[in-house]
Protein backbone atom coordinates (compact mmCIF):
# COMPACT_ATOMS: atom_id res chain seq x y z
CA UNK A 1 170.26 73.54 70.59
CA UNK A 2 169.44 75.04 67.22
CA UNK A 3 171.44 78.26 67.18
CA UNK A 4 170.65 80.08 70.39
CA UNK A 5 166.98 79.13 70.53
CA UNK A 6 165.71 78.67 74.10
CA UNK A 7 165.57 75.02 75.12
CA UNK A 8 162.45 73.05 75.84
CA UNK A 9 162.00 73.03 79.61
CA UNK A 10 160.38 69.75 80.70
CA UNK A 11 157.23 70.08 82.82
CA UNK A 12 157.78 70.50 86.56
CA UNK A 13 157.25 67.35 88.60
CA UNK A 14 154.15 67.06 90.75
CA UNK A 15 153.48 64.63 93.60
CA UNK A 16 152.66 61.26 92.10
CA UNK A 17 154.71 61.86 88.94
CA UNK A 18 156.47 58.86 87.41
CA UNK A 19 160.25 58.81 87.93
CA UNK A 20 162.62 56.17 86.56
CA UNK A 21 166.02 55.23 87.96
CA UNK A 22 168.57 53.94 85.45
CA UNK A 23 172.14 52.63 85.67
CA UNK A 24 173.87 53.69 82.44
CA UNK A 25 177.38 53.89 83.86
CA UNK A 26 179.18 52.01 86.65
CA UNK A 27 177.93 49.56 89.27
CA UNK A 28 176.79 51.16 92.51
CA UNK A 29 176.34 50.71 96.22
CA UNK A 30 173.03 48.87 96.27
CA UNK A 31 172.08 50.03 99.77
CA UNK A 32 172.58 53.72 98.89
CA UNK A 33 170.57 53.50 95.66
CA UNK A 34 167.74 51.57 97.32
CA UNK A 35 167.69 54.17 100.10
CA UNK A 36 167.60 56.97 97.50
CA UNK A 37 164.75 55.28 95.64
CA UNK A 38 162.94 54.87 98.94
CA UNK A 39 163.08 58.60 99.53
CA UNK A 40 161.91 59.34 95.99
CA UNK A 41 159.02 56.91 96.37
CA UNK A 42 157.58 58.91 99.27
CA UNK A 43 156.50 61.54 96.75
CA UNK A 44 156.75 60.01 93.28
CA UNK A 45 156.01 56.71 91.56
CA UNK A 46 159.44 55.18 91.07
CA UNK A 47 160.19 52.51 88.51
CA UNK A 48 163.35 50.63 87.53
CA UNK A 49 164.33 47.61 85.49
CA UNK A 50 165.20 44.46 87.43
CA UNK A 51 168.50 44.21 85.56
CA UNK A 52 169.49 47.60 87.01
CA UNK A 53 171.66 45.67 89.47
CA UNK A 54 173.69 43.78 86.86
CA UNK A 55 177.46 44.11 86.87
CA UNK A 56 180.01 43.59 84.14
CA UNK A 57 183.42 44.58 85.46
CA UNK A 58 183.41 48.36 85.87
CA UNK A 59 180.07 48.70 84.06
CA UNK A 60 176.48 48.26 85.25
CA UNK A 61 175.88 45.45 82.79
CA UNK A 62 176.53 45.16 79.06
CA UNK A 63 176.41 48.07 76.65
CA UNK A 64 173.22 46.63 75.12
CA UNK A 65 171.51 46.37 78.51
CA UNK A 66 172.35 49.93 79.41
CA UNK A 67 171.49 51.32 75.97
CA UNK A 68 168.15 49.48 75.89
CA UNK A 69 167.31 50.86 79.32
CA UNK A 70 168.26 54.43 78.36
CA UNK A 71 166.38 54.31 75.05
CA UNK A 72 163.21 53.01 76.67
CA UNK A 73 163.24 55.83 79.21
CA UNK A 74 163.92 58.50 76.59
CA UNK A 75 160.90 57.32 74.61
CA UNK A 76 158.49 56.96 77.54
CA UNK A 77 156.03 59.90 77.46
CA UNK A 78 154.64 59.04 80.90
CA UNK A 79 157.87 59.79 82.76
CA UNK A 80 158.52 63.11 84.47
CA UNK A 81 162.18 62.44 85.24
CA UNK A 82 164.99 59.95 84.72
CA UNK A 83 167.60 59.86 87.49
CA UNK A 84 170.87 57.98 87.17
CA UNK A 85 171.86 55.57 89.92
CA UNK A 86 175.48 56.75 90.05
CA UNK A 87 178.23 58.06 87.82
CA UNK A 88 181.58 56.40 87.27
CA UNK A 89 182.07 55.44 83.65
CA UNK A 90 180.08 54.01 80.78
CA UNK A 91 177.75 56.55 79.20
CA UNK A 92 180.33 57.54 76.62
CA UNK A 93 180.15 53.99 75.23
CA UNK A 94 176.42 54.12 74.51
CA UNK A 95 174.93 57.64 74.54
CA UNK A 96 175.75 58.42 70.89
CA UNK A 97 173.63 55.41 69.89
CA UNK A 98 170.56 56.48 71.84
CA UNK A 99 167.45 57.97 70.22
CA UNK A 100 167.82 61.57 71.38
CA UNK A 101 165.04 62.80 69.10
CA UNK A 102 162.72 60.88 71.43
CA UNK A 103 163.68 63.18 74.30
CA UNK A 104 162.60 66.23 72.34
CA UNK A 105 159.33 64.49 71.44
CA UNK A 106 158.71 63.46 75.06
CA UNK A 107 160.65 65.97 77.21
CA UNK A 108 161.49 64.86 80.74
CA UNK A 109 164.12 65.78 83.31
CA UNK A 110 167.43 63.95 83.01
CA UNK A 111 169.03 64.15 86.45
CA UNK A 112 172.53 63.38 87.61
CA UNK A 113 176.15 64.49 87.63
CA UNK A 114 179.68 63.22 86.98
CA UNK A 115 179.38 60.66 84.13
CA UNK A 116 175.80 61.91 83.63
CA UNK A 117 177.40 65.02 82.12
CA UNK A 118 177.16 63.00 78.88
CA UNK A 119 173.35 63.08 79.21
CA UNK A 120 173.41 66.84 79.73
CA UNK A 121 175.58 67.32 76.64
CA UNK A 122 173.25 65.21 74.48
CA UNK A 123 170.09 66.82 75.89
CA UNK A 124 171.48 70.28 75.13
CA UNK A 125 172.28 69.20 71.56
CA UNK A 126 168.58 68.46 70.92
CA UNK A 127 167.44 71.58 72.77
CA UNK A 128 166.10 70.15 76.03
CA UNK A 129 166.98 71.49 79.50
CA UNK A 130 168.28 69.04 82.11
CA UNK A 131 169.15 69.02 85.80
CA UNK A 132 172.70 68.71 87.11
CA UNK A 133 172.17 67.36 90.62
CA UNK A 134 172.73 64.40 92.94
CA UNK A 135 172.50 60.90 91.54
CA UNK A 136 170.22 58.40 93.28
CA UNK A 137 173.13 57.10 95.37
CA UNK A 138 173.77 60.66 96.53
CA UNK A 139 170.15 60.91 97.66
CA UNK A 140 170.79 57.73 99.62
CA UNK A 141 173.52 59.42 101.65
CA UNK A 142 172.01 62.92 101.66
CA UNK A 143 170.28 64.70 104.51
CA UNK A 144 166.83 66.28 104.47
CA UNK A 145 168.12 69.69 103.35
CA UNK A 146 169.97 68.35 100.32
CA UNK A 147 167.13 66.08 99.30
CA UNK A 148 164.63 68.92 99.54
CA UNK A 149 166.86 71.10 97.36
CA UNK A 150 166.59 68.49 94.62
CA UNK A 151 162.85 68.08 95.09
CA UNK A 152 162.36 71.86 94.88
CA UNK A 153 164.44 72.03 91.70
CA UNK A 154 162.35 69.29 90.08
CA UNK A 155 159.03 70.80 91.12
CA UNK A 156 159.97 74.47 90.61
CA UNK A 157 162.79 74.36 88.03
CA UNK A 158 162.37 77.94 86.83
CA UNK A 159 162.08 79.51 90.27
CA UNK A 160 164.58 82.37 90.57
CA UNK A 161 167.54 81.24 92.67
CA UNK A 162 170.71 83.08 93.63
CA UNK A 163 173.95 81.57 94.87
CA UNK A 164 175.94 84.16 96.80
CA UNK A 165 179.43 84.33 98.21
CA UNK A 166 181.32 83.23 95.11
CA UNK A 167 184.98 84.13 94.90
CA UNK A 168 185.97 86.65 92.24
CA UNK A 169 188.78 85.49 89.97
CA UNK A 170 188.11 87.76 86.99
CA UNK A 171 185.57 90.53 87.46
CA UNK A 172 182.61 91.32 85.25
CA UNK A 173 179.16 90.03 84.38
CA UNK A 174 177.86 87.51 81.87
CA UNK A 175 174.46 86.18 80.92
CA UNK A 176 173.67 83.19 78.76
CA UNK A 177 172.67 79.52 78.74
CA UNK A 178 174.10 77.58 81.67
CA UNK A 179 176.16 74.61 80.47
CA UNK A 180 178.86 72.27 81.71
CA UNK A 181 179.45 69.69 84.41
CA UNK A 182 182.39 67.36 84.90
CA UNK A 183 185.54 68.60 83.16
CA UNK A 184 186.89 65.13 82.33
CA UNK A 185 183.59 64.08 80.78
CA UNK A 186 183.32 67.32 78.79
CA UNK A 187 186.85 66.68 77.51
CA UNK A 188 185.92 63.17 76.37
CA UNK A 189 182.75 64.51 74.70
CA UNK A 190 184.98 66.96 72.84
CA UNK A 191 187.27 64.12 71.71
CA UNK A 192 184.23 62.18 70.51
CA UNK A 193 182.95 65.16 68.52
CA UNK A 194 179.80 65.40 70.67
CA UNK A 195 180.43 68.64 72.61
CA UNK A 196 178.57 71.74 71.43
CA UNK A 197 178.93 74.89 73.54
CA UNK A 198 176.35 77.54 72.60
CA UNK A 199 177.39 81.12 72.01
CA UNK A 200 177.41 83.27 75.14
CA UNK A 201 177.27 80.31 77.50
CA UNK A 202 177.99 80.50 81.22
CA UNK A 203 180.18 77.43 81.79
CA UNK A 204 180.25 75.55 85.11
CA UNK A 205 183.07 73.09 85.83
CA UNK A 206 183.87 70.50 88.50
CA UNK A 207 185.99 67.36 88.79
CA UNK A 208 187.39 64.75 91.15
CA UNK A 209 190.74 62.92 91.60
CA UNK A 210 192.46 64.61 88.66
CA UNK A 211 196.05 65.83 89.01
CA UNK A 212 196.83 69.45 88.21
CA UNK A 213 198.64 68.69 84.96
CA UNK A 214 195.70 66.64 83.73
CA UNK A 215 193.31 69.51 84.49
CA UNK A 216 195.72 71.74 82.53
CA UNK A 217 195.72 69.28 79.61
CA UNK A 218 191.94 69.13 79.42
CA UNK A 219 191.35 72.87 79.74
CA UNK A 220 194.04 73.57 77.16
CA UNK A 221 192.49 71.12 74.71
CA UNK A 222 189.08 72.72 75.16
CA UNK A 223 190.60 76.13 74.56
CA UNK A 224 192.77 75.19 71.56
CA UNK A 225 189.86 73.34 69.93
CA UNK A 226 187.81 76.55 69.92
CA UNK A 227 185.13 75.01 72.14
CA UNK A 228 185.50 77.87 74.62
CA UNK A 229 185.77 80.70 72.10
CA UNK A 230 182.16 81.82 72.61
CA UNK A 231 181.91 81.27 76.37
CA UNK A 232 180.75 84.44 78.15
CA UNK A 233 181.70 83.47 81.71
CA UNK A 234 182.91 80.57 83.86
CA UNK A 235 182.00 79.38 87.34
CA UNK A 236 184.29 76.89 89.09
CA UNK A 237 182.81 74.31 91.43
CA UNK A 238 184.46 71.65 93.58
CA UNK A 239 187.67 70.02 92.39
CA UNK A 240 187.69 67.26 94.97
CA UNK A 241 190.84 65.33 95.87
CA UNK A 242 192.72 66.87 92.95
CA UNK A 243 196.42 66.85 93.95
CA UNK A 244 199.14 69.26 92.78
CA UNK A 245 201.67 68.38 90.09
CA UNK A 246 205.30 69.24 90.95
CA UNK A 247 204.13 71.91 93.36
CA UNK A 248 201.56 73.44 90.99
CA UNK A 249 198.06 73.34 92.46
CA UNK A 250 194.81 72.76 90.61
CA UNK A 251 193.65 76.21 91.68
CA UNK A 252 196.70 77.77 90.05
CA UNK A 253 196.02 75.85 86.83
CA UNK A 254 192.35 76.83 86.81
CA UNK A 255 193.10 80.50 87.45
CA UNK A 256 195.72 80.63 84.70
CA UNK A 257 193.86 78.67 82.02
CA UNK A 258 190.45 80.20 82.65
CA UNK A 259 191.88 83.68 83.15
CA UNK A 260 193.30 83.46 79.62
CA UNK A 261 189.76 83.34 78.21
CA UNK A 262 189.24 87.03 78.93
CA UNK A 263 185.77 86.55 80.42
CA UNK A 264 184.37 86.86 83.97
CA UNK A 265 185.38 83.94 86.20
CA UNK A 266 184.12 83.10 89.69
CA UNK A 267 184.81 80.13 91.98
CA UNK A 268 183.33 78.43 95.01
CA UNK A 269 180.05 77.21 93.52
CA UNK A 270 178.99 74.29 95.75
CA UNK A 271 178.46 71.68 93.05
CA UNK A 272 180.35 68.52 92.20
CA UNK A 273 181.55 65.52 94.16
CA UNK A 274 180.94 66.88 97.67
CA UNK A 275 177.83 66.29 99.77
CA UNK A 276 176.64 69.81 98.92
CA UNK A 277 175.77 69.57 95.22
CA UNK A 278 173.69 72.58 94.21
CA UNK A 279 171.01 71.59 91.66
CA UNK A 280 171.56 73.50 88.42
CA UNK A 281 169.12 73.67 85.51
CA UNK A 282 171.32 73.39 82.43
CA UNK A 283 170.39 74.91 79.09
CA UNK A 284 168.39 77.86 80.41
CA UNK A 285 169.72 81.36 80.95
CA UNK A 286 171.78 82.26 83.98
CA UNK A 287 173.48 85.47 85.06
CA UNK A 288 176.95 85.58 86.57
CA UNK A 289 178.20 88.60 88.47
CA UNK A 290 181.80 87.60 89.16
CA UNK A 291 182.56 90.97 90.74
CA UNK A 292 179.66 90.68 93.17
CA UNK A 293 180.07 86.94 93.70
CA UNK A 294 176.60 85.82 92.58
CA UNK A 295 175.10 83.35 90.13
CA UNK A 296 171.40 83.79 89.31
CA UNK A 297 169.43 80.96 87.71
CA UNK A 298 165.82 80.24 86.85
CA UNK A 299 163.59 83.16 85.94
CA UNK A 300 166.05 86.06 85.92
CA UNK A 301 164.96 89.19 87.79
CA UNK A 302 163.72 92.21 85.87
CA UNK A 303 166.55 94.36 84.61
CA UNK A 304 169.01 91.51 84.20
CA UNK A 305 170.95 92.11 81.03
């Protein structure tokens, strides 16, 4: 994003819109992804490259295959959305080589989570909103309610939505662009010099299978680097299967490290590596009321400050 200019919000999807599925990261459960594409195809025209199913160790094919696939989708002006097959690892190897100016020229929804946090970071850097939500494999295992939540987010991205019942860690309110995703991936984007956190941002964080000391290490690096200096508030999501380190829990680490920022902090946002993965439009303004336990997204209600 240039300064704090509002991002470009891609057009809402409509029935019959073209949607592409890509595999820019790790190999995936073929049955789940095919099932997810089947659900998408009931409402949209779904396309994918035949080499989507390639495998190269822990990657979904070579770097060149995955980069070529990503670049082609970024350039395609006929697409309404690009949804990743699954996360894992791999985007950090190729995303910096992609033609991100093409996304700004032909805005479309980039959809996914976990390793797809790289896509959200790069989209934000060129000033385009994106959707943190289930990958295609997640749609394959999701129920009707969760699938419809994603469909509604794609077709009504700026509809006012409120998540209630968040846990107050540090009271107060904050309003600003919603940014974030997977903590480990954000940390690696920082190390690569790709992470840009806009001033006044409301930061959302989640992770999976990271020990408490590693969560501490990553949060501390983000803080010491200055990346979090201008954050206005933080919302903690799921930290799934994250074990303690020498009796210190991940919750204790998160409360201590995030509490040191001196901004409102809330927890319990249902997003991350659980079945309930709340779709979040990243890049646009959100309002956190940590004292009241709410996060408002989309078109903010009148009087929101």
